[in-house]
């Protein structure tokens, strides 16, 4: 059974930081691109960041310079470090596995 379990979401003030984690089980991890998507209320789901098996990264323009993505192939976990958070970063963040599996999402709320 494939599971992608996200953690680390929550409420943070503007300018703050959060680190999301996604632990994968039941599916090969090392050889697949992993990514984070987000969906804000009333908006479509969008790619935030991705990381390939060779550690190449890609970021949405809106988060470049603020977010970082990393992976630990021993722990089968992908991380999203989010710094300088803005209210417009508020969304449900979803972990994505390159074989087209999805996590259930974790809510990030940026508000004072």
N, C-alpha and C. Protein backbone atom coordinates (compact mmCIF):
# COMPACT_ATOMS: atom_id res chain seq x y z
N UNK A 1 0.84 -1.19 0.00
CA UNK A 1 0.00 0.00 0.00
C UNK A 1 0.88 1.25 0.00
N UNK A 2 0.66 2.10 -0.98
CA UNK A 2 1.43 3.31 -1.09
C UNK A 2 0.90 4.36 -0.11
N UNK A 3 1.82 4.95 0.61
CA UNK A 3 1.45 6.04 1.51
C UNK A 3 2.45 7.18 1.39
N UNK A 4 1.92 8.38 1.27
CA UNK A 4 2.70 9.61 1.35
C UNK A 4 2.10 10.41 2.49
N UNK A 5 2.86 10.58 3.55
CA UNK A 5 2.33 11.22 4.74
C UNK A 5 3.07 12.52 4.97
N UNK A 6 2.32 13.61 4.84
CA UNK A 6 2.89 14.94 5.05
C UNK A 6 2.79 15.34 6.52
N UNK A 7 3.73 16.18 6.92
CA UNK A 7 3.70 16.74 8.27
C UNK A 7 4.38 18.10 8.24
N UNK A 8 4.14 18.88 9.30
CA UNK A 8 4.84 20.16 9.44
C UNK A 8 4.02 21.38 9.13
N UNK A 9 2.80 21.22 8.68
CA UNK A 9 1.97 22.38 8.42
C UNK A 9 1.51 23.04 9.70
N UNK A 10 0.89 24.21 9.54
CA UNK A 10 0.38 24.92 10.71
C UNK A 10 0.21 26.39 10.44
N UNK A 11 0.04 27.13 11.51
CA UNK A 11 -0.16 28.57 11.44
C UNK A 11 1.17 29.27 11.72
N UNK A 12 1.51 30.22 10.88
CA UNK A 12 2.76 30.96 11.05
C UNK A 12 2.52 32.41 10.67
N UNK A 13 3.24 33.31 11.31
CA UNK A 13 3.10 34.73 10.99
C UNK A 13 3.86 35.07 9.71
N UNK A 14 3.44 36.11 9.03
CA UNK A 14 4.18 36.56 7.84
C UNK A 14 5.66 36.79 8.19
N UNK A 15 6.53 36.34 7.29
CA UNK A 15 7.96 36.42 7.53
C UNK A 15 8.54 35.22 8.23
N UNK A 16 7.68 34.35 8.73
CA UNK A 16 8.13 33.17 9.45
C UNK A 16 8.52 32.03 8.53
N UNK A 17 8.86 30.90 9.16
CA UNK A 17 9.33 29.73 8.42
C UNK A 17 8.59 28.47 8.88
N UNK A 18 8.49 27.54 7.98
CA UNK A 18 7.97 26.21 8.28
C UNK A 18 8.75 25.21 7.45
N UNK A 19 8.84 23.99 7.96
CA UNK A 19 9.47 22.90 7.21
C UNK A 19 8.47 21.76 7.09
N UNK A 20 8.11 21.46 5.87
CA UNK A 20 7.22 20.34 5.62
C UNK A 20 8.04 19.09 5.34
N UNK A 21 7.50 17.95 5.72
CA UNK A 21 8.13 16.67 5.42
C UNK A 21 7.09 15.73 4.83
N UNK A 22 7.53 14.86 3.95
CA UNK A 22 6.66 13.86 3.35
C UNK A 22 7.40 12.53 3.36
N UNK A 23 6.87 11.60 4.14
CA UNK A 23 7.47 10.27 4.25
C UNK A 23 6.72 9.31 3.34
N UNK A 24 7.47 8.64 2.48
CA UNK A 24 6.88 7.71 1.52
C UNK A 24 7.11 6.27 1.97
N UNK A 25 6.11 5.45 1.75
CA UNK A 25 6.24 4.03 2.03
C UNK A 25 5.44 3.25 1.00
N UNK A 26 5.84 2.00 0.78
CA UNK A 26 5.11 1.14 -0.14
C UNK A 26 5.37 1.42 -1.61
N UNK A 27 6.37 2.26 -1.88
CA UNK A 27 6.65 2.63 -3.26
C UNK A 27 8.14 2.96 -3.38
N UNK A 28 8.70 2.66 -4.54
CA UNK A 28 10.11 2.99 -4.76
C UNK A 28 10.29 4.50 -4.67
N UNK A 29 11.38 4.91 -4.03
CA UNK A 29 11.57 6.34 -3.79
C UNK A 29 12.76 6.89 -4.54
N UNK A 30 13.88 6.18 -4.49
CA UNK A 30 15.15 6.71 -4.97
C UNK A 30 15.12 7.15 -6.42
N UNK A 31 14.36 6.44 -7.24
CA UNK A 31 14.48 6.65 -8.69
C UNK A 31 13.43 7.59 -9.26
N UNK A 32 12.66 8.20 -8.38
CA UNK A 32 11.56 9.03 -8.85
C UNK A 32 11.74 10.49 -8.45
N UNK A 33 11.26 11.36 -9.34
CA UNK A 33 11.12 12.76 -8.97
C UNK A 33 10.07 12.88 -7.89
N UNK A 34 10.32 13.77 -6.95
CA UNK A 34 9.35 14.07 -5.89
C UNK A 34 9.03 15.55 -5.94
N UNK A 35 7.85 15.90 -5.48
CA UNK A 35 7.50 17.31 -5.55
C UNK A 35 6.48 17.72 -4.51
N UNK A 36 6.29 19.01 -4.44
CA UNK A 36 5.26 19.62 -3.59
C UNK A 36 4.37 20.50 -4.46
N UNK A 37 3.08 20.32 -4.30
CA UNK A 37 2.09 21.17 -4.94
C UNK A 37 1.31 21.87 -3.84
N UNK A 38 0.58 22.90 -4.21
CA UNK A 38 -0.31 23.55 -3.25
C UNK A 38 -1.58 23.99 -3.94
N UNK A 39 -2.61 24.09 -3.13
CA UNK A 39 -3.90 24.56 -3.63
C UNK A 39 -4.51 25.52 -2.62
N UNK A 40 -4.65 26.75 -3.05
CA UNK A 40 -5.29 27.77 -2.21
C UNK A 40 -6.79 27.76 -2.47
N UNK A 41 -7.57 28.28 -1.53
CA UNK A 41 -9.03 28.29 -1.72
C UNK A 41 -9.42 28.99 -3.01
N UNK A 42 -10.24 28.32 -3.81
CA UNK A 42 -10.72 28.91 -5.04
C UNK A 42 -9.73 28.92 -6.19
N UNK A 43 -8.58 28.31 -5.98
CA UNK A 43 -7.56 28.29 -7.03
C UNK A 43 -7.21 26.86 -7.42
N UNK A 44 -6.57 26.74 -8.57
CA UNK A 44 -6.14 25.43 -9.03
C UNK A 44 -4.88 24.98 -8.30
N UNK A 45 -4.68 23.69 -8.27
CA UNK A 45 -3.46 23.15 -7.68
C UNK A 45 -2.27 23.54 -8.56
N UNK A 46 -1.18 23.96 -7.92
CA UNK A 46 -0.01 24.38 -8.67
C UNK A 46 1.26 23.76 -8.12
N UNK A 47 2.22 23.56 -9.01
CA UNK A 47 3.51 23.04 -8.58
C UNK A 47 4.27 24.11 -7.81
N UNK A 48 4.79 23.72 -6.66
CA UNK A 48 5.61 24.61 -5.85
C UNK A 48 7.09 24.33 -6.10
N UNK A 49 7.46 23.05 -5.99
CA UNK A 49 8.87 22.69 -6.15
C UNK A 49 8.96 21.20 -6.46
N UNK A 50 10.04 20.82 -7.14
CA UNK A 50 10.28 19.41 -7.41
C UNK A 50 11.77 19.13 -7.34
N UNK A 51 12.09 17.86 -7.13
CA UNK A 51 13.49 17.44 -7.06
C UNK A 51 13.61 16.08 -7.74
N UNK A 52 14.55 15.98 -8.66
CA UNK A 52 14.71 14.73 -9.41
C UNK A 52 15.58 13.74 -8.64
N UNK A 53 15.75 12.58 -9.21
CA UNK A 53 16.59 11.55 -8.61
C UNK A 53 18.05 11.99 -8.56
N UNK A 54 18.42 12.91 -9.45
CA UNK A 54 19.79 13.44 -9.46
C UNK A 54 19.87 14.79 -8.75
N UNK A 55 18.86 15.08 -7.97
CA UNK A 55 18.83 16.27 -7.11
C UNK A 55 18.72 17.59 -7.86
N UNK A 56 18.27 17.53 -9.11
CA UNK A 56 17.96 18.77 -9.81
C UNK A 56 16.64 19.31 -9.26
N UNK A 57 16.59 20.61 -9.05
CA UNK A 57 15.41 21.21 -8.45
C UNK A 57 14.74 22.20 -9.39
N UNK A 58 13.46 22.39 -9.14
CA UNK A 58 12.68 23.33 -9.94
C UNK A 58 11.69 24.00 -9.00
N UNK A 59 11.50 25.31 -9.17
CA UNK A 59 10.63 26.06 -8.26
C UNK A 59 9.68 26.94 -9.05
N UNK A 60 8.50 27.13 -8.50
CA UNK A 60 7.60 28.14 -9.03
C UNK A 60 8.23 29.51 -8.84
N UNK A 61 7.99 30.40 -9.78
CA UNK A 61 8.58 31.74 -9.69
C UNK A 61 8.21 32.43 -8.38
N UNK A 62 7.02 32.17 -7.90
CA UNK A 62 6.52 32.86 -6.70
C UNK A 62 7.27 32.46 -5.42
N UNK A 63 8.00 31.36 -5.46
CA UNK A 63 8.69 30.91 -4.24
C UNK A 63 10.20 30.88 -4.38
N UNK A 64 10.70 31.20 -5.56
CA UNK A 64 12.15 31.17 -5.78
C UNK A 64 12.86 32.11 -4.81
N UNK A 65 13.93 31.61 -4.22
CA UNK A 65 14.70 32.40 -3.25
C UNK A 65 14.15 32.32 -1.84
N UNK A 66 12.96 31.76 -1.67
CA UNK A 66 12.37 31.65 -0.34
C UNK A 66 12.21 30.21 0.11
N UNK A 67 11.93 29.32 -0.83
CA UNK A 67 11.70 27.91 -0.51
C UNK A 67 12.88 27.06 -0.99
N UNK A 68 13.08 25.96 -0.30
CA UNK A 68 14.09 24.98 -0.72
C UNK A 68 13.49 23.58 -0.59
N UNK A 69 13.87 22.73 -1.52
CA UNK A 69 13.40 21.35 -1.48
C UNK A 69 14.61 20.42 -1.37
N UNK A 70 14.44 19.37 -0.60
CA UNK A 70 15.53 18.41 -0.43
C UNK A 70 14.92 17.02 -0.24
N UNK A 71 15.78 16.02 -0.36
CA UNK A 71 15.29 14.65 -0.19
C UNK A 71 16.33 13.83 0.55
N UNK A 72 15.83 12.83 1.27
CA UNK A 72 16.67 11.89 1.99
C UNK A 72 16.27 10.50 1.52
N UNK A 73 17.11 9.91 0.68
CA UNK A 73 16.76 8.62 0.10
C UNK A 73 16.91 7.46 1.08
N UNK A 74 17.54 7.72 2.20
CA UNK A 74 17.62 6.68 3.25
C UNK A 74 16.30 6.65 4.03
N UNK A 75 15.79 7.83 4.32
CA UNK A 75 14.54 7.93 5.09
C UNK A 75 13.31 7.94 4.19
N UNK A 76 13.52 7.91 2.86
CA UNK A 76 12.38 7.99 1.92
C UNK A 76 11.50 9.21 2.21
N UNK A 77 12.15 10.32 2.40
CA UNK A 77 11.45 11.54 2.80
C UNK A 77 11.89 12.71 1.95
N UNK A 78 10.93 13.54 1.59
CA UNK A 78 11.20 14.78 0.89
C UNK A 78 10.76 15.94 1.77
N UNK A 79 11.54 17.00 1.74
CA UNK A 79 11.29 18.15 2.61
C UNK A 79 11.05 19.41 1.79
N UNK A 80 10.29 20.32 2.37
CA UNK A 80 10.11 21.65 1.79
C UNK A 80 10.36 22.66 2.89
N UNK A 81 11.46 23.36 2.79
CA UNK A 81 11.77 24.43 3.75
C UNK A 81 11.20 25.72 3.19
N UNK A 82 10.33 26.34 3.96
CA UNK A 82 9.66 27.55 3.51
C UNK A 82 10.05 28.70 4.42
N UNK A 83 10.69 29.69 3.86
CA UNK A 83 11.13 30.88 4.60
C UNK A 83 10.44 32.12 4.07
N UNK A 84 10.51 33.17 4.85
CA UNK A 84 9.91 34.46 4.45
C UNK A 84 8.48 34.27 3.94
N UNK A 85 7.71 33.54 4.70
CA UNK A 85 6.36 33.20 4.26
C UNK A 85 5.48 34.44 4.16
N UNK A 86 4.59 34.38 3.18
CA UNK A 86 3.66 35.47 2.91
C UNK A 86 2.23 34.95 3.03
N UNK A 87 1.29 35.86 3.28
CA UNK A 87 -0.11 35.41 3.35
C UNK A 87 -0.55 34.65 2.09
N UNK A 88 -0.02 35.03 0.95
CA UNK A 88 -0.41 34.35 -0.29
C UNK A 88 0.16 32.94 -0.42
N UNK A 89 1.00 32.54 0.52
CA UNK A 89 1.47 31.15 0.55
C UNK A 89 0.47 30.24 1.26
N UNK A 90 -0.56 30.81 1.84
CA UNK A 90 -1.58 30.02 2.51
C UNK A 90 -2.24 29.06 1.54
N UNK A 91 -2.22 27.78 1.87
CA UNK A 91 -2.76 26.75 0.99
C UNK A 91 -2.64 25.40 1.66
N UNK A 92 -3.28 24.43 1.05
CA UNK A 92 -3.01 23.04 1.41
C UNK A 92 -1.85 22.57 0.53
N UNK A 93 -0.84 22.05 1.17
CA UNK A 93 0.36 21.59 0.46
C UNK A 93 0.32 20.06 0.33
N UNK A 94 0.51 19.60 -0.89
CA UNK A 94 0.43 18.18 -1.19
C UNK A 94 1.79 17.65 -1.64
N UNK A 95 2.12 16.50 -1.12
CA UNK A 95 3.32 15.78 -1.57
C UNK A 95 2.96 14.98 -2.82
N UNK A 96 3.88 14.96 -3.78
CA UNK A 96 3.65 14.24 -5.02
C UNK A 96 4.84 13.33 -5.32
N UNK A 97 4.50 12.11 -5.70
CA UNK A 97 5.51 11.13 -6.09
C UNK A 97 5.43 10.96 -7.60
N UNK A 98 6.59 10.84 -8.25
CA UNK A 98 6.66 10.82 -9.69
C UNK A 98 5.89 9.70 -10.38
N UNK A 99 5.53 8.67 -9.64
CA UNK A 99 4.67 7.63 -10.22
C UNK A 99 3.20 8.00 -10.07
N UNK A 100 2.96 9.27 -9.81
CA UNK A 100 1.62 9.86 -9.73
C UNK A 100 0.83 9.41 -8.50
N UNK A 101 1.53 9.41 -7.39
CA UNK A 101 0.85 9.23 -6.11
C UNK A 101 0.83 10.57 -5.37
N UNK A 102 -0.20 10.73 -4.55
CA UNK A 102 -0.38 11.99 -3.83
C UNK A 102 -0.59 11.73 -2.35
N UNK A 103 -0.10 12.67 -1.54
CA UNK A 103 -0.45 12.67 -0.14
C UNK A 103 -1.80 13.32 0.06
N UNK A 104 -2.27 13.32 1.31
CA UNK A 104 -3.57 13.89 1.62
C UNK A 104 -3.51 15.39 1.85
N UNK A 105 -2.33 15.91 2.03
CA UNK A 105 -2.16 17.34 2.18
C UNK A 105 -2.00 17.79 3.61
N UNK A 106 -1.32 18.92 3.76
CA UNK A 106 -1.18 19.56 5.06
C UNK A 106 -1.41 21.05 4.89
N UNK A 107 -2.17 21.63 5.80
CA UNK A 107 -2.57 23.03 5.68
C UNK A 107 -1.50 23.96 6.23
N UNK A 108 -1.15 24.94 5.44
CA UNK A 108 -0.25 26.01 5.86
C UNK A 108 -1.03 27.31 5.83
N UNK A 109 -1.07 27.97 6.96
CA UNK A 109 -1.77 29.25 7.06
C UNK A 109 -0.78 30.32 7.49
N UNK A 110 -0.66 31.35 6.69
CA UNK A 110 0.25 32.45 6.99
C UNK A 110 -0.61 33.67 7.31
N UNK A 111 -0.61 34.04 8.57
CA UNK A 111 -1.49 35.11 9.01
C UNK A 111 -0.98 35.69 10.32
N UNK A 112 -1.24 36.98 10.50
CA UNK A 112 -0.89 37.62 11.76
C UNK A 112 -2.07 37.62 12.72
